C-alpha atoms as a PDB file:
ATOM      1  CA  MET A   1      -6.479 144.750  -4.447  1.00  0.00           C
ATOM      2  CA  LYS A   2      -5.162 147.271  -2.917  1.00  0.00           C
ATOM      3  CA  ASN A   3      -6.126 147.196   0.089  1.00  0.00           C
ATOM      4  CA  LEU A   4      -5.507 143.320   0.395  1.00  0.00           C
ATOM      5  CA  LEU A   5      -2.067 143.764  -0.875  1.00  0.00           C
ATOM      6  CA  HIS A   6      -1.965 145.733   2.452  1.00  0.00           C
ATOM      7  CA  ILE A   7      -2.951 143.190   4.694  1.00  0.00           C
ATOM      8  CA  VAL A   8      -0.746 140.559   3.364  1.00  0.00           C
ATOM      9  CA  LEU A   9       2.509 143.258   4.177  1.00  0.00           C
ATOM     10  CA  LEU A  10       1.246 143.705   7.712  1.00  0.00           C
ATOM     11  CA  LEU A  11       0.597 140.115   8.113  1.00  0.00           C
ATOM     12  CA  PHE A  12       4.253 139.197   6.974  1.00  0.00           C
ATOM     13  CA  LEU A  13       5.497 142.363   8.868  1.00  0.00           C
ATOM     14  CA  PHE A  14       3.784 141.216  11.944  1.00  0.00           C
ATOM     15  CA  GLY A  15       4.335 137.553  11.726  1.00  0.00           C
ATOM     16  CA  CYS A  16       7.845 138.454  11.215  1.00  0.00           C
ATOM     17  CA  SER A  17       8.153 140.165  14.004  1.00  0.00           C
ATOM     18  CA  GLN A  18       7.142 138.377  16.927  1.00  0.00           C
ATOM     19  CA  LYS A  19       9.813 136.873  18.855  1.00  0.00           C
ATOM     20  CA  LYS A  20      10.210 133.333  18.869  1.00  0.00           C
ATOM     21  CA  GLU A  21      10.646 131.876  22.216  1.00  0.00           C
ATOM     22  CA  LYS A  22      13.356 129.275  22.674  1.00  0.00           C
ATOM     23  CA  GLU A  23      13.364 126.023  23.766  1.00  0.00           C
ATOM     24  CA  VAL A  24      16.090 126.116  27.001  1.00  0.00           C
ATOM     25  CA  ILE A  25      16.937 122.548  27.594  1.00  0.00           C
ATOM     26  CA  ILE A  26      17.834 121.862  31.214  1.00  0.00           C
ATOM     27  CA  THR A  27      20.660 118.618  31.657  1.00  0.00           C
ATOM     28  CA  GLU A  28      20.893 117.171  35.591  1.00  0.00           C
ATOM     29  CA  SER A  29      24.825 117.483  36.129  1.00  0.00           C
ATOM     30  CA  LYS A  30      25.913 114.708  37.550  1.00  0.00           C
ATOM     31  CA  MET A  31      29.289 114.675  39.711  1.00  0.00           C
ATOM     32  CA  TYR A  32      32.313 112.471  38.461  1.00  0.00           C
ATOM     33  CA  LYS A  33      33.848 110.748  41.783  1.00  0.00           C
ATOM     34  CA  GLN A  34      37.777 110.015  40.954  1.00  0.00           C
ATOM     35  CA  SER A  35      38.882 106.909  42.333  1.00  0.00           C
ATOM     36  CA  GLU A  36      41.878 106.804  43.733  1.00  0.00           C
ATOM     37  CA  MET A  37      43.514 104.552  41.191  1.00  0.00           C
ATOM     38  CA  ALA A  38      42.444 107.198  38.526  1.00  0.00           C
ATOM     39  CA  ALA A  39      43.929 109.696  40.771  1.00  0.00           C
ATOM     40  CA  LEU A  40      46.831 107.940  41.330  1.00  0.00           C
ATOM     41  CA  MET A  41      47.597 107.248  37.336  1.00  0.00           C
ATOM     42  CA  LEU A  42      47.441 110.827  36.508  1.00  0.00           C
ATOM     43  CA  LYS A  43      49.938 111.650  39.056  1.00  0.00           C
ATOM     44  CA  MET A  44      51.728 108.445  37.878  1.00  0.00           C
ATOM     45  CA  TYR A  45      51.371 110.771  33.807  1.00  0.00           C
ATOM     46  CA  ALA A  46      52.515 113.400  35.318  1.00  0.00           C
ATOM     47  CA  VAL A  47      55.786 112.508  36.753  1.00  0.00           C
ATOM     48  CA  ASN A  48      56.413 110.170  33.904  1.00  0.00           C
ATOM     49  CA  LEU A  49      56.340 113.254  31.472  1.00  0.00           C
ATOM     50  CA  GLU A  50      58.554 115.398  33.979  1.00  0.00           C
ATOM     51  CA  ASN A  51      60.960 112.267  33.633  1.00  0.00           C
ATOM     52  CA  LYS A  52      60.301 112.167  29.684  1.00  0.00           C
ATOM     53  CA  ALA A  53      61.575 115.680  29.782  1.00  0.00           C
ATOM     54  CA  LEU A  54      64.390 115.337  32.049  1.00  0.00           C
ATOM     55  CA  ILE A  55      65.907 111.956  29.891  1.00  0.00           C
ATOM     56  CA  LEU A  56      65.762 114.466  26.568  1.00  0.00           C
ATOM     57  CA  ASP A  57      67.543 117.219  28.427  1.00  0.00           C
ATOM     58  CA  GLY A  58      70.032 114.212  29.678  1.00  0.00           C
ATOM     59  CA  LYS A  59      68.932 114.453  33.302  1.00  0.00           C
ATOM     60  CA  LEU A  60      68.534 111.466  35.343  1.00  0.00           C
ATOM     61  CA  PRO A  61      64.873 111.034  36.542  1.00  0.00           C
ATOM     62  CA  ASN A  62      64.287 110.975  40.409  1.00  0.00           C
ATOM     63  CA  SER A  63      63.673 108.163  42.542  1.00  0.00           C
ATOM     64  CA  ILE A  64      60.250 106.237  42.406  1.00  0.00           C
ATOM     65  CA  PRO A  65      57.903 108.564  44.458  1.00  0.00           C
ATOM     66  CA  LYS A  66      56.621 106.123  47.488  1.00  0.00           C
ATOM     67  CA  GLU A  67      53.217 107.094  46.451  1.00  0.00           C
ATOM     68  CA  PHE A  68      53.319 104.685  43.292  1.00  0.00           C
ATOM     69  CA  THR A  69      53.731 101.948  45.525  1.00  0.00           C
ATOM     70  CA  ASN A  70      49.918 102.543  46.147  1.00  0.00           C
ATOM     71  CA  ILE A  71      48.914 100.810  43.004  1.00  0.00           C
ATOM     72  CA  HIS A  72      48.598  97.874  44.524  1.00  0.00           C
ATOM     73  CA  THR A  73      46.152  99.339  47.383  1.00  0.00           C
ATOM     74  CA  ALA A  74      44.553 102.110  45.575  1.00  0.00           C
ATOM     75  CA  LYS A  75      40.615 101.564  45.342  1.00  0.00           C
ATOM     76  CA  LEU A  76      39.684 101.162  41.927  1.00  0.00           C
ATOM     77  CA  THR A  77      36.444 102.474  39.931  1.00  0.00           C
ATOM     78  CA  ASP A  78      35.263  98.549  39.060  1.00  0.00           C
ATOM     79  CA  PRO A  79      37.322  96.656  42.093  1.00  0.00           C
ATOM     80  CA  SER A  80      36.862  93.213  39.806  1.00  0.00           C
ATOM     81  CA  ASP A  81      39.948  94.535  37.802  1.00  0.00           C
ATOM     82  CA  ARG A  82      42.126  93.778  40.702  1.00  0.00           C
ATOM     83  CA  ASN A  83      43.343  90.630  39.909  1.00  0.00           C
ATOM     84  CA  ALA A  84      46.590  87.939  39.126  1.00  0.00           C
ATOM     85  CA  ALA A  85      47.088  89.843  35.710  1.00  0.00           C
ATOM     86  CA  PHE A  86      46.843  93.401  37.136  1.00  0.00           C
ATOM     87  CA  LYS A  87      49.326  92.563  40.097  1.00  0.00           C
ATOM     88  CA  GLY A  88      51.513  91.615  37.612  1.00  0.00           C
ATOM     89  CA  PHE A  89      52.043  94.796  35.637  1.00  0.00           C
ATOM     90  CA  SER A  90      51.714  96.839  38.657  1.00  0.00           C
ATOM     91  CA  ASP A  91      54.494  95.084  39.823  1.00  0.00           C
ATOM     92  CA  PHE A  92      56.768  95.080  36.560  1.00  0.00           C
ATOM     93  CA  TYR A  93      55.700  98.988  36.064  1.00  0.00           C
ATOM     94  CA  LEU A  94      57.238  99.500  39.898  1.00  0.00           C
ATOM     95  CA  LYS A  95      60.134  97.303  38.534  1.00  0.00           C
ATOM     96  CA  THR A  96      60.725  98.777  35.418  1.00  0.00           C
ATOM     97  CA  TYR A  97      60.326 102.645  36.595  1.00  0.00           C
ATOM     98  CA  GLU A  98      62.905 101.824  39.752  1.00  0.00           C
ATOM     99  CA  GLN A  99      65.196 100.898  36.638  1.00  0.00           C
ATOM    100  CA  VAL A 100      64.995 104.429  35.034  1.00  0.00           C
ATOM    101  CA  THR A 101      66.034 105.704  38.086  1.00  0.00           C
ATOM    102  CA  THR A 102      69.430 103.694  38.630  1.00  0.00           C
ATOM    103  CA  THR A 103      70.554 103.292  35.209  1.00  0.00           C
ATOM    104  CA  THR A 104      72.970 105.080  32.973  1.00  0.00           C
ATOM    105  CA  LYS A 105      72.267 107.806  30.715  1.00  0.00           C
ATOM    106  CA  ASP A 106      72.872 105.857  27.816  1.00  0.00           C
ATOM    107  CA  SER A 107      70.382 103.142  28.756  1.00  0.00           C
ATOM    108  CA  LEU A 108      68.206 105.778  29.776  1.00  0.00           C
ATOM    109  CA  SER A 109      65.535 106.285  26.615  1.00  0.00           C
ATOM    110  CA  VAL A 110      64.637 102.691  26.271  1.00  0.00           C
ATOM    111  CA  LYS A 111      64.685 102.423  29.943  1.00  0.00           C
ATOM    112  CA  HIS A 112      62.116 104.739  30.182  1.00  0.00           C
ATOM    113  CA  ASN A 113      60.172 103.583  26.944  1.00  0.00           C
ATOM    114  CA  ASN A 114      59.791  99.950  28.843  1.00  0.00           C
ATOM    115  CA  THR A 115      58.367 101.296  31.874  1.00  0.00           C
ATOM    116  CA  ILE A 116      55.771 103.663  29.639  1.00  0.00           C
ATOM    117  CA  ASN A 117      55.078 100.215  27.608  1.00  0.00           C
ATOM    118  CA  SER A 118      54.510  98.421  30.479  1.00  0.00           C
ATOM    119  CA  CYS A 119      51.485 100.931  31.458  1.00  0.00           C
ATOM    120  CA  ILE A 120      50.533 100.093  27.549  1.00  0.00           C
ATOM    121  CA  ALA A 121      50.745  96.593  28.247  1.00  0.00           C
ATOM    122  CA  CYS A 122      48.379  96.866  31.012  1.00  0.00           C
ATOM    123  CA  HIS A 123      45.977  99.062  29.703  1.00  0.00           C
ATOM    124  CA  LYS A 124      44.986  96.983  27.035  1.00  0.00           C
ATOM    125  CA  THR A 125      43.934  93.946  29.330  1.00  0.00           C
ATOM    126  CA  THR A 126      41.398  96.502  30.893  1.00  0.00           C
ATOM    127  CA  CYS A 127      41.143 100.349  30.237  1.00  0.00           C
ATOM    128  CA  ILE A 128      42.016 101.035  26.973  1.00  0.00           C
ATOM    129  CA  GLY A 129      41.386 104.755  26.762  1.00  0.00           C
ATOM    130  CA  PRO A 130      44.125 106.151  28.090  1.00  0.00           C
ATOM    131  CA  ILE A 131      46.458 104.306  25.413  1.00  0.00           C
ATOM    132  CA  PRO A 132      46.996 107.581  23.308  1.00  0.00           C
ATOM    133  CA  LYS A 133      47.864 109.763  25.808  1.00  0.00           C
ATOM    134  CA  ILE A 134      50.364 107.338  27.603  1.00  0.00           C
ATOM    135  CA  LYS A 135      52.060 106.715  24.178  1.00  0.00           C
ATOM    136  CA  LYS A 136      52.693 110.648  24.140  1.00  0.00           C
ATOM    137  CA  LEU A 137      55.028 109.517  26.808  1.00  0.00           C
ATOM    138  CA  LEU A 138      57.358 107.860  24.793  1.00  0.00           C
ATOM    139  CA  ILE A 139      60.730 108.895  23.353  1.00  0.00           C
ATOM    140  CA  HIS A 140      61.222 108.453  19.931  1.00  0.00           C
END
């Protein structure tokens, strides 16, 4: 009986001390190439974020960056998204942005929010993912 107990203890000790091999899972990494439009919209976001800060400080934003007119020609992730509605939203965005840079300080927040709301309206029709991030640009 005593020998049996020693054997069980030895098995238990050796069983617990063995190293278990960890299973390593290697996943294939794929590089994501950003479209021209995605890069442009990230730039637009950054500029509008700067504009929000300026407006909250009581300052007028700078004029519209010339590269924003590339909204009409930048390559989209899905080229079929460039349709009449997209063109209309693009024109409206540029128009509302221009109003931000040419308005009085009194209506600056309203004009800025009009610009941001034009982004949201467009994204509701095609690419809804960035809407929560875009909403952070609104001035409340």
